[in-house]
Amino acid sequence: MKFTAKEKYALESALDGYIKGLLRDIQKWSNDVAVEACKELLASAESAMEKIKS
């Protein structure tokens, strides 16, 4: 999928904030179910970021 420079910047910025939030949540939560859900979301977000950057 091709993105314009502005679209790519917007997507990367949004995903970066989302990823940072998930990392903070993983560190502060002790509930195993919540942490595992965050890790799954994190993996998906990181995968999306790699696709956008390529």
PDB file of N, CA and C in Angstrom:
ATOM      1  N   MET A   1       0.836  -1.166   0.000  1.00  0.00           N
ATOM      2  CA  MET A   1       0.000   0.000   0.000  1.00  0.00           C
ATOM      3  C   MET A   1       0.891   1.242   0.000  1.00  0.00           C
ATOM      4  N   LYS A   2       0.593   2.185  -0.857  1.00  0.00           N
ATOM      5  CA  LYS A   2       1.378   3.418  -0.959  1.00  0.00           C
ATOM      6  C   LYS A   2       0.706   4.538  -0.180  1.00  0.00           C
ATOM      7  N   PHE A   3       1.513   5.294   0.526  1.00  0.00           N
ATOM      8  CA  PHE A   3       1.030   6.426   1.293  1.00  0.00           C
ATOM      9  C   PHE A   3       1.763   7.683   0.840  1.00  0.00           C
ATOM     10  N   THR A   4       1.073   8.814   0.917  1.00  0.00           N
ATOM     11  CA  THR A   4       1.764  10.074   0.679  1.00  0.00           C
ATOM     12  C   THR A   4       2.644  10.348   1.889  1.00  0.00           C
ATOM     13  N   ALA A   5       3.536  11.303   1.759  1.00  0.00           N
ATOM     14  CA  ALA A   5       4.422  11.640   2.874  1.00  0.00           C
ATOM     15  C   ALA A   5       3.616  12.093   4.089  1.00  0.00           C
ATOM     16  N   LYS A   6       2.566  12.874   3.864  1.00  0.00           N
ATOM     17  CA  LYS A   6       1.738  13.356   4.976  1.00  0.00           C
ATOM     18  C   LYS A   6       0.980  12.205   5.633  1.00  0.00           C
ATOM     19  N   GLU A   7       0.458  11.301   4.833  1.00  0.00           N
ATOM     20  CA  GLU A   7      -0.261  10.147   5.384  1.00  0.00           C
ATOM     21  C   GLU A   7       0.681   9.274   6.194  1.00  0.00           C
ATOM     22  N   LYS A   8       1.864   9.039   5.650  1.00  0.00           N
ATOM     23  CA  LYS A   8       2.847   8.211   6.337  1.00  0.00           C
ATOM     24  C   LYS A   8       3.241   8.834   7.674  1.00  0.00           C
ATOM     25  N   TYR A   9       3.455  10.147   7.689  1.00  0.00           N
ATOM     26  CA  TYR A   9       3.812  10.838   8.929  1.00  0.00           C
ATOM     27  C   TYR A   9       2.682  10.727   9.950  1.00  0.00           C
ATOM     28  N   ALA A  10       1.452  10.944   9.492  1.00  0.00           N
ATOM     29  CA  ALA A  10       0.300  10.876  10.394  1.00  0.00           C
ATOM     30  C   ALA A  10       0.141   9.475  10.981  1.00  0.00           C
ATOM     31  N   LEU A  11       0.275   8.460  10.152  1.00  0.00           N
ATOM     32  CA  LEU A  11       0.143   7.077  10.619  1.00  0.00           C
ATOM     33  C   LEU A  11       1.260   6.713  11.586  1.00  0.00           C
ATOM     34  N   GLU A  12       2.485   7.076  11.252  1.00  0.00           N
ATOM     35  CA  GLU A  12       3.619   6.774  12.124  1.00  0.00           C
ATOM     36  C   GLU A  12       3.473   7.485  13.473  1.00  0.00           C
ATOM     37  N   SER A  13       3.034   8.731  13.447  1.00  0.00           N
ATOM     38  CA  SER A  13       2.857   9.485  14.688  1.00  0.00           C
ATOM     39  C   SER A  13       1.788   8.849  15.568  1.00  0.00           C
ATOM     40  N   ALA A  14       0.674   8.479  14.957  1.00  0.00           N
ATOM     41  CA  ALA A  14      -0.419   7.864  15.709  1.00  0.00           C
ATOM     42  C   ALA A  14       0.009   6.516  16.285  1.00  0.00           C
ATOM     43  N   LEU A  15       0.652   5.696  15.467  1.00  0.00           N
ATOM     44  CA  LEU A  15       1.091   4.385  15.942  1.00  0.00           C
ATOM     45  C   LEU A  15       2.161   4.513  17.014  1.00  0.00           C
ATOM     46  N   ASP A  16       3.048   5.477  16.873  1.00  0.00           N
ATOM     47  CA  ASP A  16       4.096   5.675  17.869  1.00  0.00           C
ATOM     48  C   ASP A  16       3.482   5.980  19.231  1.00  0.00           C
ATOM     49  N   GLY A  17       2.512   6.866  19.268  1.00  0.00           N
ATOM     50  CA  GLY A  17       1.838   7.182  20.525  1.00  0.00           C
ATOM     51  C   GLY A  17       1.116   5.976  21.097  1.00  0.00           C
ATOM     52  N   TYR A  18       0.469   5.219  20.237  1.00  0.00           N
ATOM     53  CA  TYR A  18      -0.254   4.021  20.645  1.00  0.00           C
ATOM     54  C   TYR A  18       0.708   2.979  21.225  1.00  0.00           C
ATOM     55  N   ILE A  19       1.821   2.767  20.553  1.00  0.00           N
ATOM     56  CA  ILE A  19       2.826   1.801  21.013  1.00  0.00           C
ATOM     57  C   ILE A  19       3.405   2.221  22.364  1.00  0.00           C
ATOM     58  N   LYS A  20       3.729   3.499  22.511  1.00  0.00           N
ATOM     59  CA  LYS A  20       4.274   3.980  23.786  1.00  0.00           C
ATOM     60  C   LYS A  20       3.269   3.795  24.920  1.00  0.00           C
ATOM     61  N   GLY A  21       1.998   4.056  24.634  1.00  0.00           N
ATOM     62  CA  GLY A  21       0.952   3.852  25.640  1.00  0.00           C
ATOM     63  C   GLY A  21       0.832   2.399  26.042  1.00  0.00           C
ATOM     64  N   LEU A  22       0.879   1.503  25.073  1.00  0.00           N
ATOM     65  CA  LEU A  22       0.804   0.076  25.379  1.00  0.00           C
ATOM     66  C   LEU A  22       1.998  -0.371  26.218  1.00  0.00           C
ATOM     67  N   LEU A  23       3.177   0.115  25.898  1.00  0.00           N
ATOM     68  CA  LEU A  23       4.368  -0.248  26.676  1.00  0.00           C
ATOM     69  C   LEU A  23       4.245   0.229  28.123  1.00  0.00           C
ATOM     70  N   ARG A  24       3.709   1.445  28.319  1.00  0.00           N
ATOM     71  CA  ARG A  24       3.486   1.940  29.687  1.00  0.00           C
ATOM     72  C   ARG A  24       2.472   1.063  30.416  1.00  0.00           C
ATOM     73  N   ASP A  25       1.394   0.698  29.726  1.00  0.00           N
ATOM     74  CA  ASP A  25       0.366  -0.138  30.347  1.00  0.00           C
ATOM     75  C   ASP A  25       0.917  -1.496  30.748  1.00  0.00           C
ATOM     76  N   ILE A  26       1.726  -2.086  29.905  1.00  0.00           N
ATOM     77  CA  ILE A  26       2.319  -3.398  30.199  1.00  0.00           C
ATOM     78  C   ILE A  26       3.185  -3.312  31.454  1.00  0.00           C
ATOM     79  N   GLN A  27       3.927  -2.224  31.586  1.00  0.00           N
ATOM     80  CA  GLN A  27       4.807  -2.070  32.745  1.00  0.00           C
ATOM     81  C   GLN A  27       4.043  -1.844  34.048  1.00  0.00           C
ATOM     82  N   LYS A  28       2.912  -1.151  34.000  1.00  0.00           N
ATOM     83  CA  LYS A  28       2.239  -0.808  35.253  1.00  0.00           C
ATOM     84  C   LYS A  28       1.158  -1.792  35.671  1.00  0.00           C
ATOM     85  N   TRP A  29       0.650  -2.606  34.756  1.00  0.00           N
ATOM     86  CA  TRP A  29      -0.419  -3.529  35.111  1.00  0.00           C
ATOM     87  C   TRP A  29       0.134  -4.861  35.583  1.00  0.00           C
ATOM     88  N   SER A  30      -0.533  -5.437  36.561  1.00  0.00           N
ATOM     89  CA  SER A  30      -0.099  -6.743  37.062  1.00  0.00           C
ATOM     90  C   SER A  30      -1.063  -7.847  36.644  1.00  0.00           C
ATOM     91  N   ASN A  31      -2.214  -7.487  36.112  1.00  0.00           N
ATOM     92  CA  ASN A  31      -3.211  -8.461  35.681  1.00  0.00           C
ATOM     93  C   ASN A  31      -2.696  -9.189  34.435  1.00  0.00           C
ATOM     94  N   ASP A  32      -2.483 -10.484  34.561  1.00  0.00           N
ATOM     95  CA  ASP A  32      -1.923 -11.266  33.460  1.00  0.00           C
ATOM     96  C   ASP A  32      -2.758 -11.188  32.187  1.00  0.00           C
ATOM     97  N   VAL A  33      -4.067 -11.205  32.332  1.00  0.00           N
ATOM     98  CA  VAL A  33      -4.946 -11.167  31.163  1.00  0.00           C
ATOM     99  C   VAL A  33      -4.797  -9.829  30.443  1.00  0.00           C
ATOM    100  N   ALA A  34      -4.781  -8.738  31.189  1.00  0.00           N
ATOM    101  CA  ALA A  34      -4.638  -7.411  30.592  1.00  0.00           C
ATOM    102  C   ALA A  34      -3.278  -7.249  29.920  1.00  0.00           C
ATOM    103  N   VAL A  35      -2.240  -7.725  30.572  1.00  0.00           N
ATOM    104  CA  VAL A  35      -0.890  -7.620  30.019  1.00  0.00           C
ATOM    105  C   VAL A  35      -0.780  -8.429  28.726  1.00  0.00           C
ATOM    106  N   GLU A  36      -1.322  -9.625  28.723  1.00  0.00           N
ATOM    107  CA  GLU A  36      -1.271 -10.447  27.509  1.00  0.00           C
ATOM    108  C   GLU A  36      -2.048  -9.792  26.365  1.00  0.00           C
ATOM    109  N   ALA A  37      -3.185  -9.184  26.674  1.00  0.00           N
ATOM    110  CA  ALA A  37      -3.960  -8.484  25.650  1.00  0.00           C
ATOM    111  C   ALA A  37      -3.153  -7.310  25.097  1.00  0.00           C
ATOM    112  N   CYS A  38      -2.490  -6.576  25.971  1.00  0.00           N
ATOM    113  CA  CYS A  38      -1.661  -5.447  25.533  1.00  0.00           C
ATOM    114  C   CYS A  38      -0.495  -5.921  24.665  1.00  0.00           C
ATOM    115  N   LYS A  39       0.089  -7.048  25.033  1.00  0.00           N
ATOM    116  CA  LYS A  39       1.206  -7.579  24.238  1.00  0.00           C
ATOM    117  C   LYS A  39       0.748  -7.960  22.840  1.00  0.00           C
ATOM    118  N   GLU A  40      -0.454  -8.501  22.731  1.00  0.00           N
ATOM    119  CA  GLU A  40      -0.995  -8.847  21.414  1.00  0.00           C
ATOM    120  C   GLU A  40      -1.252  -7.580  20.593  1.00  0.00           C
ATOM    121  N   LEU A  41      -1.821  -6.581  21.229  1.00  0.00           N
ATOM    122  CA  LEU A  41      -2.059  -5.304  20.543  1.00  0.00           C
ATOM    123  C   LEU A  41      -0.745  -4.653  20.143  1.00  0.00           C
ATOM    124  N   LEU A  42       0.249  -4.739  21.010  1.00  0.00           N
ATOM    125  CA  LEU A  42       1.565  -4.182  20.731  1.00  0.00           C
ATOM    126  C   LEU A  42       2.187  -4.850  19.512  1.00  0.00           C
ATOM    127  N   ALA A  43       2.108  -6.154  19.440  1.00  0.00           N
ATOM    128  CA  ALA A  43       2.668  -6.874  18.297  1.00  0.00           C
ATOM    129  C   ALA A  43       1.979  -6.448  16.999  1.00  0.00           C
ATOM    130  N   SER A  44       0.675  -6.285  17.046  1.00  0.00           N
ATOM    131  CA  SER A  44      -0.061  -5.845  15.858  1.00  0.00           C
ATOM    132  C   SER A  44       0.338  -4.426  15.453  1.00  0.00           C
ATOM    133  N   ALA A  45       0.476  -3.552  16.438  1.00  0.00           N
ATOM    134  CA  ALA A  45       0.847  -2.167  16.158  1.00  0.00           C
ATOM    135  C   ALA A  45       2.261  -2.080  15.592  1.00  0.00           C
ATOM    136  N   GLU A  46       3.174  -2.863  16.147  1.00  0.00           N
ATOM    137  CA  GLU A  46       4.548  -2.864  15.644  1.00  0.00           C
ATOM    138  C   GLU A  46       4.612  -3.417  14.229  1.00  0.00           C
ATOM    139  N   SER A  47       3.810  -4.425  13.940  1.00  0.00           N
ATOM    140  CA  SER A  47       3.737  -4.983  12.591  1.00  0.00           C
ATOM    141  C   SER A  47       3.208  -3.940  11.604  1.00  0.00           C
ATOM    142  N   ALA A  48       2.183  -3.215  12.014  1.00  0.00           N
ATOM    143  CA  ALA A  48       1.625  -2.165  11.162  1.00  0.00           C
ATOM    144  C   ALA A  48       2.670  -1.075  10.902  1.00  0.00           C
ATOM    145  N   MET A  49       3.431  -0.728  11.933  1.00  0.00           N
ATOM    146  CA  MET A  49       4.459   0.292  11.779  1.00  0.00           C
ATOM    147  C   MET A  49       5.506  -0.156  10.768  1.00  0.00           C
ATOM    148  N   GLU A  50       5.919  -1.405  10.834  1.00  0.00           N
ATOM    149  CA  GLU A  50       6.910  -1.923   9.884  1.00  0.00           C
ATOM    150  C   GLU A  50       6.367  -1.876   8.448  1.00  0.00           C
ATOM    151  N   LYS A  51       5.103  -2.210   8.271  1.00  0.00           N
ATOM    152  CA  LYS A  51       4.499  -2.184   6.940  1.00  0.00           C
ATOM    153  C   LYS A  51       4.456  -0.753   6.396  1.00  0.00           C
ATOM    154  N   ILE A  52       4.162   0.203   7.254  1.00  0.00           N
ATOM    155  CA  ILE A  52       4.101   1.602   6.826  1.00  0.00           C
ATOM    156  C   ILE A  52       5.484   2.095   6.451  1.00  0.00           C
ATOM    157  N   LYS A  53       6.487   1.708   7.210  1.00  0.00           N
ATOM    158  CA  LYS A  53       7.843   2.174   6.951  1.00  0.00           C
ATOM    159  C   LYS A  53       8.470   1.536   5.707  1.00  0.00           C
ATOM    160  N   SER A  54       7.970   0.386   5.292  1.00  0.00           N
ATOM    161  CA  SER A  54       8.580  -0.281   4.128  1.00  0.00           C
ATOM    162  C   SER A  54       8.005   0.217   2.829  1.00  0.00           C
TER     163      SER A  54
END
